[in-house]
């Protein structure tokens, strides 16, 4: 295939991580990742057809922030801080290509 020089650019597909990959690259257990998702501390980027959660790269930054805040806050306080930071960031016009809105609990994709 010849792409030439007409300014065409390849679009790199976003990397999605299954929960096992998130566990492999972080100090968190599978159960902790699941619990953090249910609590709304982190959120999935999408779901597989089989109903499995897929996370994007932003989950690693969010988990790092949770680790920082856990030293002095409860998980409920952390959720408030993260939600406030997200609202402030959205208010500044930052483009967040992930799902919009605050995740408040377990939900499966519509069929």
N, C-alpha and C. Protein backbone atom coordinates (compact mmCIF):
# COMPACT_ATOMS: atom_id res chain seq x y z
N UNK A 1 0.84 -1.18 0.00
CA UNK A 1 0.00 0.00 0.00
C UNK A 1 0.88 1.23 0.00
N UNK A 2 0.61 2.16 -0.86
CA UNK A 2 1.41 3.36 -0.99
C UNK A 2 0.65 4.54 -0.41
N UNK A 3 1.19 5.13 0.65
CA UNK A 3 0.53 6.24 1.32
C UNK A 3 0.93 7.57 0.72
N UNK A 4 2.01 7.61 -0.01
CA UNK A 4 2.42 8.84 -0.68
C UNK A 4 2.72 9.96 0.31
N UNK A 5 2.67 11.17 -0.19
CA UNK A 5 2.98 12.34 0.65
C UNK A 5 1.82 13.32 0.66
N UNK A 6 0.62 12.82 0.49
CA UNK A 6 -0.54 13.70 0.40
C UNK A 6 -1.07 14.13 1.77
N UNK A 7 -0.28 13.96 2.80
CA UNK A 7 -0.71 14.41 4.12
C UNK A 7 -1.57 13.42 4.88
N UNK A 8 -1.73 12.22 4.35
CA UNK A 8 -2.51 11.21 5.07
C UNK A 8 -1.74 10.75 6.29
N UNK A 9 -2.45 10.58 7.37
CA UNK A 9 -1.83 10.11 8.61
C UNK A 9 -2.55 8.87 9.10
N UNK A 10 -1.79 7.95 9.61
CA UNK A 10 -2.39 6.76 10.21
C UNK A 10 -2.93 7.13 11.58
N UNK A 11 -4.08 6.62 11.89
CA UNK A 11 -4.63 6.84 13.22
C UNK A 11 -4.33 5.61 14.06
N UNK A 12 -3.58 5.81 15.12
CA UNK A 12 -3.21 4.71 16.00
C UNK A 12 -4.41 4.41 16.90
N UNK A 13 -4.86 3.17 16.92
CA UNK A 13 -6.00 2.84 17.78
C UNK A 13 -5.60 2.97 19.25
N UNK A 14 -6.54 3.40 20.06
CA UNK A 14 -6.29 3.54 21.49
C UNK A 14 -6.04 2.18 22.11
N UNK A 15 -5.07 2.11 22.99
CA UNK A 15 -4.77 0.87 23.69
C UNK A 15 -5.79 0.67 24.79
N UNK A 16 -6.32 -0.50 24.89
CA UNK A 16 -7.26 -0.86 25.95
C UNK A 16 -6.64 -1.98 26.78
N UNK A 17 -6.81 -1.89 28.08
CA UNK A 17 -6.21 -2.85 29.01
C UNK A 17 -7.30 -3.63 29.72
N UNK A 18 -7.16 -4.94 29.71
CA UNK A 18 -8.05 -5.79 30.52
C UNK A 18 -7.60 -5.67 31.96
N UNK A 19 -8.44 -6.07 32.87
CA UNK A 19 -8.15 -5.91 34.29
C UNK A 19 -6.85 -6.63 34.67
N UNK A 20 -6.58 -7.78 34.07
CA UNK A 20 -5.35 -8.51 34.37
C UNK A 20 -4.09 -7.73 34.00
N UNK A 21 -4.17 -6.97 32.91
CA UNK A 21 -3.04 -6.14 32.51
C UNK A 21 -2.86 -4.97 33.47
N UNK A 22 -3.95 -4.38 33.92
CA UNK A 22 -3.86 -3.28 34.90
C UNK A 22 -3.21 -3.81 36.17
N UNK A 23 -3.61 -4.99 36.60
CA UNK A 23 -3.04 -5.61 37.80
C UNK A 23 -1.54 -5.86 37.60
N UNK A 24 -1.16 -6.34 36.42
CA UNK A 24 0.24 -6.66 36.14
C UNK A 24 1.13 -5.42 36.21
N UNK A 25 0.62 -4.27 35.78
CA UNK A 25 1.43 -3.06 35.72
C UNK A 25 1.29 -2.15 36.94
N UNK A 26 0.53 -2.55 37.93
CA UNK A 26 0.32 -1.74 39.13
C UNK A 26 0.47 -2.61 40.38
N UNK A 27 0.55 -1.99 41.55
CA UNK A 27 0.63 -2.79 42.78
C UNK A 27 -0.75 -3.21 43.31
N UNK A 28 -1.81 -2.99 42.53
CA UNK A 28 -3.16 -3.27 42.99
C UNK A 28 -3.60 -4.67 42.59
N UNK A 29 -4.44 -5.27 43.44
CA UNK A 29 -4.98 -6.60 43.14
C UNK A 29 -6.19 -6.46 42.21
N UNK A 30 -6.57 -7.57 41.63
CA UNK A 30 -7.75 -7.62 40.77
C UNK A 30 -8.99 -7.14 41.55
N UNK A 31 -9.12 -7.59 42.79
CA UNK A 31 -10.27 -7.20 43.60
C UNK A 31 -10.28 -5.70 43.87
N UNK A 32 -9.11 -5.13 44.12
CA UNK A 32 -9.02 -3.68 44.37
C UNK A 32 -9.42 -2.90 43.12
N UNK A 33 -8.94 -3.31 41.96
CA UNK A 33 -9.31 -2.64 40.71
C UNK A 33 -10.82 -2.73 40.52
N UNK A 34 -11.38 -3.89 40.76
CA UNK A 34 -12.83 -4.08 40.65
C UNK A 34 -13.56 -3.15 41.62
N UNK A 35 -13.11 -3.14 42.88
CA UNK A 35 -13.76 -2.30 43.89
C UNK A 35 -13.66 -0.82 43.54
N UNK A 36 -12.50 -0.38 43.09
CA UNK A 36 -12.32 1.02 42.72
C UNK A 36 -13.24 1.40 41.56
N UNK A 37 -13.47 0.45 40.64
CA UNK A 37 -14.38 0.70 39.53
C UNK A 37 -15.80 0.84 40.04
N UNK A 38 -16.22 -0.07 40.89
CA UNK A 38 -17.58 -0.04 41.44
C UNK A 38 -17.79 1.24 42.25
N UNK A 39 -16.77 1.67 42.98
CA UNK A 39 -16.87 2.87 43.82
C UNK A 39 -16.81 4.17 43.01
N UNK A 40 -16.41 4.09 41.76
CA UNK A 40 -16.32 5.28 40.93
C UNK A 40 -14.98 6.00 41.02
N UNK A 41 -13.98 5.35 41.62
CA UNK A 41 -12.65 5.96 41.68
C UNK A 41 -11.95 5.90 40.33
N UNK A 42 -12.18 4.82 39.61
CA UNK A 42 -11.69 4.68 38.24
C UNK A 42 -12.87 4.22 37.39
N UNK A 43 -12.73 4.33 36.08
CA UNK A 43 -13.82 3.87 35.22
C UNK A 43 -13.27 3.19 33.97
N UNK A 44 -14.06 2.28 33.49
CA UNK A 44 -13.70 1.58 32.27
C UNK A 44 -13.91 2.52 31.08
N UNK A 45 -13.12 2.30 30.05
CA UNK A 45 -13.26 3.08 28.83
C UNK A 45 -14.33 2.47 27.93
N UNK A 46 -14.43 1.15 27.98
CA UNK A 46 -15.44 0.43 27.19
C UNK A 46 -15.55 -0.99 27.72
N UNK A 47 -16.44 -1.74 27.11
CA UNK A 47 -16.68 -3.14 27.48
C UNK A 47 -16.48 -4.02 26.26
N UNK A 48 -16.06 -5.26 26.52
CA UNK A 48 -16.00 -6.24 25.43
C UNK A 48 -17.41 -6.76 25.17
N UNK A 49 -17.59 -7.45 24.06
CA UNK A 49 -18.89 -8.05 23.78
C UNK A 49 -19.27 -9.06 24.85
N UNK A 50 -18.27 -9.66 25.49
CA UNK A 50 -18.52 -10.63 26.55
C UNK A 50 -18.78 -10.00 27.91
N UNK A 51 -18.77 -8.66 27.98
CA UNK A 51 -19.09 -7.98 29.23
C UNK A 51 -17.89 -7.69 30.12
N UNK A 52 -16.67 -7.81 29.59
CA UNK A 52 -15.48 -7.51 30.38
C UNK A 52 -15.11 -6.05 30.25
N UNK A 53 -14.64 -5.48 31.34
CA UNK A 53 -14.23 -4.09 31.34
C UNK A 53 -12.88 -3.93 30.63
N UNK A 54 -12.76 -2.83 29.90
CA UNK A 54 -11.49 -2.44 29.29
C UNK A 54 -11.17 -1.03 29.76
N UNK A 55 -9.93 -0.82 30.17
CA UNK A 55 -9.48 0.47 30.67
C UNK A 55 -8.52 1.09 29.67
N UNK A 56 -8.44 2.42 29.66
CA UNK A 56 -7.48 3.09 28.79
C UNK A 56 -6.26 3.53 29.60
N UNK A 57 -5.32 4.21 28.94
CA UNK A 57 -4.07 4.60 29.61
C UNK A 57 -4.30 5.53 30.79
N UNK A 58 -5.39 6.29 30.76
CA UNK A 58 -5.64 7.25 31.84
C UNK A 58 -5.83 6.58 33.19
N UNK A 59 -6.18 5.29 33.19
CA UNK A 59 -6.40 4.60 34.46
C UNK A 59 -5.11 4.59 35.30
N UNK A 60 -3.94 4.55 34.65
CA UNK A 60 -2.69 4.49 35.38
C UNK A 60 -2.40 5.81 36.11
N UNK A 61 -2.69 6.92 35.48
CA UNK A 61 -2.55 8.21 36.15
C UNK A 61 -3.51 8.34 37.31
N UNK A 62 -4.73 7.87 37.10
CA UNK A 62 -5.75 7.94 38.15
C UNK A 62 -5.34 7.05 39.34
N UNK A 63 -4.82 5.86 39.07
CA UNK A 63 -4.37 4.97 40.16
C UNK A 63 -3.17 5.57 40.89
N UNK A 64 -2.30 6.24 40.17
CA UNK A 64 -1.16 6.91 40.82
C UNK A 64 -1.66 7.99 41.76
N UNK A 65 -2.65 8.75 41.30
CA UNK A 65 -3.23 9.82 42.15
C UNK A 65 -3.90 9.21 43.37
N UNK A 66 -4.59 8.10 43.22
CA UNK A 66 -5.21 7.42 44.35
C UNK A 66 -4.16 7.00 45.37
N UNK A 67 -3.03 6.46 44.88
CA UNK A 67 -1.95 6.05 45.78
C UNK A 67 -1.44 7.23 46.60
N UNK A 68 -1.28 8.38 45.95
CA UNK A 68 -0.83 9.59 46.65
C UNK A 68 -1.82 9.99 47.74
N UNK A 69 -3.08 10.04 47.37
CA UNK A 69 -4.10 10.53 48.28
C UNK A 69 -4.41 9.55 49.42
N UNK A 70 -4.19 8.25 49.18
CA UNK A 70 -4.47 7.24 50.20
C UNK A 70 -3.63 7.42 51.45
N UNK A 71 -2.52 8.11 51.33
CA UNK A 71 -1.65 8.32 52.48
C UNK A 71 -2.31 9.18 53.55
N UNK A 72 -3.28 10.00 53.15
CA UNK A 72 -3.88 10.91 54.12
C UNK A 72 -5.41 11.00 54.04
N UNK A 73 -6.05 10.23 53.16
CA UNK A 73 -7.50 10.35 52.99
C UNK A 73 -8.17 8.99 52.92
N UNK A 74 -9.47 9.00 53.23
CA UNK A 74 -10.29 7.81 53.05
C UNK A 74 -10.68 7.70 51.57
N UNK A 75 -11.17 6.55 51.17
CA UNK A 75 -11.58 6.37 49.78
C UNK A 75 -12.75 7.29 49.41
N UNK A 76 -13.63 7.54 50.35
CA UNK A 76 -14.74 8.47 50.10
C UNK A 76 -14.21 9.88 49.84
N UNK A 77 -13.24 10.31 50.64
CA UNK A 77 -12.63 11.63 50.43
C UNK A 77 -11.88 11.67 49.10
N UNK A 78 -11.20 10.59 48.78
CA UNK A 78 -10.46 10.52 47.51
C UNK A 78 -11.42 10.66 46.33
N UNK A 79 -12.56 9.99 46.41
CA UNK A 79 -13.54 10.09 45.32
C UNK A 79 -14.00 11.53 45.14
N UNK A 80 -14.25 12.22 46.25
CA UNK A 80 -14.67 13.64 46.16
C UNK A 80 -13.58 14.48 45.50
N UNK A 81 -12.33 14.27 45.92
CA UNK A 81 -11.21 15.05 45.36
C UNK A 81 -11.06 14.77 43.87
N UNK A 82 -11.08 13.50 43.48
CA UNK A 82 -10.92 13.14 42.07
C UNK A 82 -12.06 13.70 41.23
N UNK A 83 -13.28 13.63 41.73
CA UNK A 83 -14.42 14.18 40.99
C UNK A 83 -14.30 15.69 40.85
N UNK A 84 -13.86 16.36 41.91
CA UNK A 84 -13.68 17.82 41.85
C UNK A 84 -12.58 18.18 40.86
N UNK A 85 -11.49 17.41 40.86
CA UNK A 85 -10.41 17.66 39.90
C UNK A 85 -10.89 17.46 38.47
N UNK A 86 -11.69 16.43 38.26
CA UNK A 86 -12.21 16.15 36.92
C UNK A 86 -13.14 17.27 36.45
N UNK A 87 -13.99 17.74 37.33
CA UNK A 87 -14.90 18.84 36.98
C UNK A 87 -14.11 20.10 36.67
N UNK A 88 -13.09 20.39 37.48
CA UNK A 88 -12.25 21.57 37.24
C UNK A 88 -11.52 21.44 35.91
N UNK A 89 -11.00 20.27 35.61
CA UNK A 89 -10.29 20.05 34.35
C UNK A 89 -11.24 20.19 33.17
N UNK A 90 -12.43 19.63 33.28
CA UNK A 90 -13.42 19.77 32.21
C UNK A 90 -13.82 21.22 32.02
N UNK A 91 -13.88 21.97 33.11
CA UNK A 91 -14.22 23.38 33.04
C UNK A 91 -13.17 24.21 32.34
N UNK A 92 -11.93 23.72 32.32
CA UNK A 92 -10.85 24.42 31.64
C UNK A 92 -10.79 24.08 30.16
N UNK A 93 -11.72 23.22 29.74
CA UNK A 93 -11.79 22.89 28.32
C UNK A 93 -10.83 21.82 27.87
N UNK A 94 -10.29 21.03 28.79
CA UNK A 94 -9.41 19.94 28.38
C UNK A 94 -10.22 18.86 27.71
N UNK A 95 -9.68 18.36 26.63
CA UNK A 95 -10.35 17.29 25.90
C UNK A 95 -10.07 15.97 26.59
N UNK A 96 -11.11 15.32 27.03
CA UNK A 96 -11.00 14.01 27.65
C UNK A 96 -11.74 13.04 26.75
N UNK A 97 -10.99 12.23 26.01
CA UNK A 97 -11.63 11.36 25.04
C UNK A 97 -12.28 10.15 25.67
N UNK A 98 -12.19 10.02 26.99
CA UNK A 98 -12.83 8.92 27.68
C UNK A 98 -14.31 9.19 27.88
N UNK A 99 -14.99 8.27 28.58
CA UNK A 99 -16.41 8.47 28.80
C UNK A 99 -16.67 9.72 29.63
N UNK A 100 -17.70 10.44 29.31
CA UNK A 100 -18.00 11.65 30.06
C UNK A 100 -18.96 11.34 31.19
N UNK A 101 -19.05 12.26 32.12
CA UNK A 101 -19.91 12.06 33.27
C UNK A 101 -19.20 11.31 34.36
N UNK A 102 -19.73 11.38 35.54
CA UNK A 102 -19.11 10.71 36.68
C UNK A 102 -19.68 9.32 36.80
N UNK A 103 -18.79 8.37 36.99
CA UNK A 103 -19.20 6.98 37.13
C UNK A 103 -19.56 6.76 38.59
N UNK A 104 -20.78 6.34 38.83
CA UNK A 104 -21.23 6.20 40.22
C UNK A 104 -21.52 4.78 40.61
N UNK A 105 -21.25 3.84 39.77
CA UNK A 105 -21.50 2.46 40.15
C UNK A 105 -21.39 1.51 38.97
N UNK A 106 -21.64 0.26 39.23
CA UNK A 106 -21.53 -0.80 38.24
C UNK A 106 -22.62 -0.66 37.19
N UNK A 107 -22.23 -0.70 35.95
CA UNK A 107 -23.21 -0.68 34.87
C UNK A 107 -22.66 -1.49 33.72
N UNK A 108 -23.52 -2.21 33.06
CA UNK A 108 -23.14 -2.97 31.89
C UNK A 108 -23.64 -2.26 30.65
N UNK A 109 -22.99 -2.49 29.53
CA UNK A 109 -23.45 -1.83 28.31
C UNK A 109 -24.84 -2.31 27.92
N UNK A 110 -25.57 -1.46 27.25
CA UNK A 110 -26.90 -1.82 26.77
C UNK A 110 -26.77 -2.85 25.66
N UNK A 111 -27.74 -3.70 25.56
CA UNK A 111 -27.69 -4.72 24.50
C UNK A 111 -28.66 -4.40 23.42
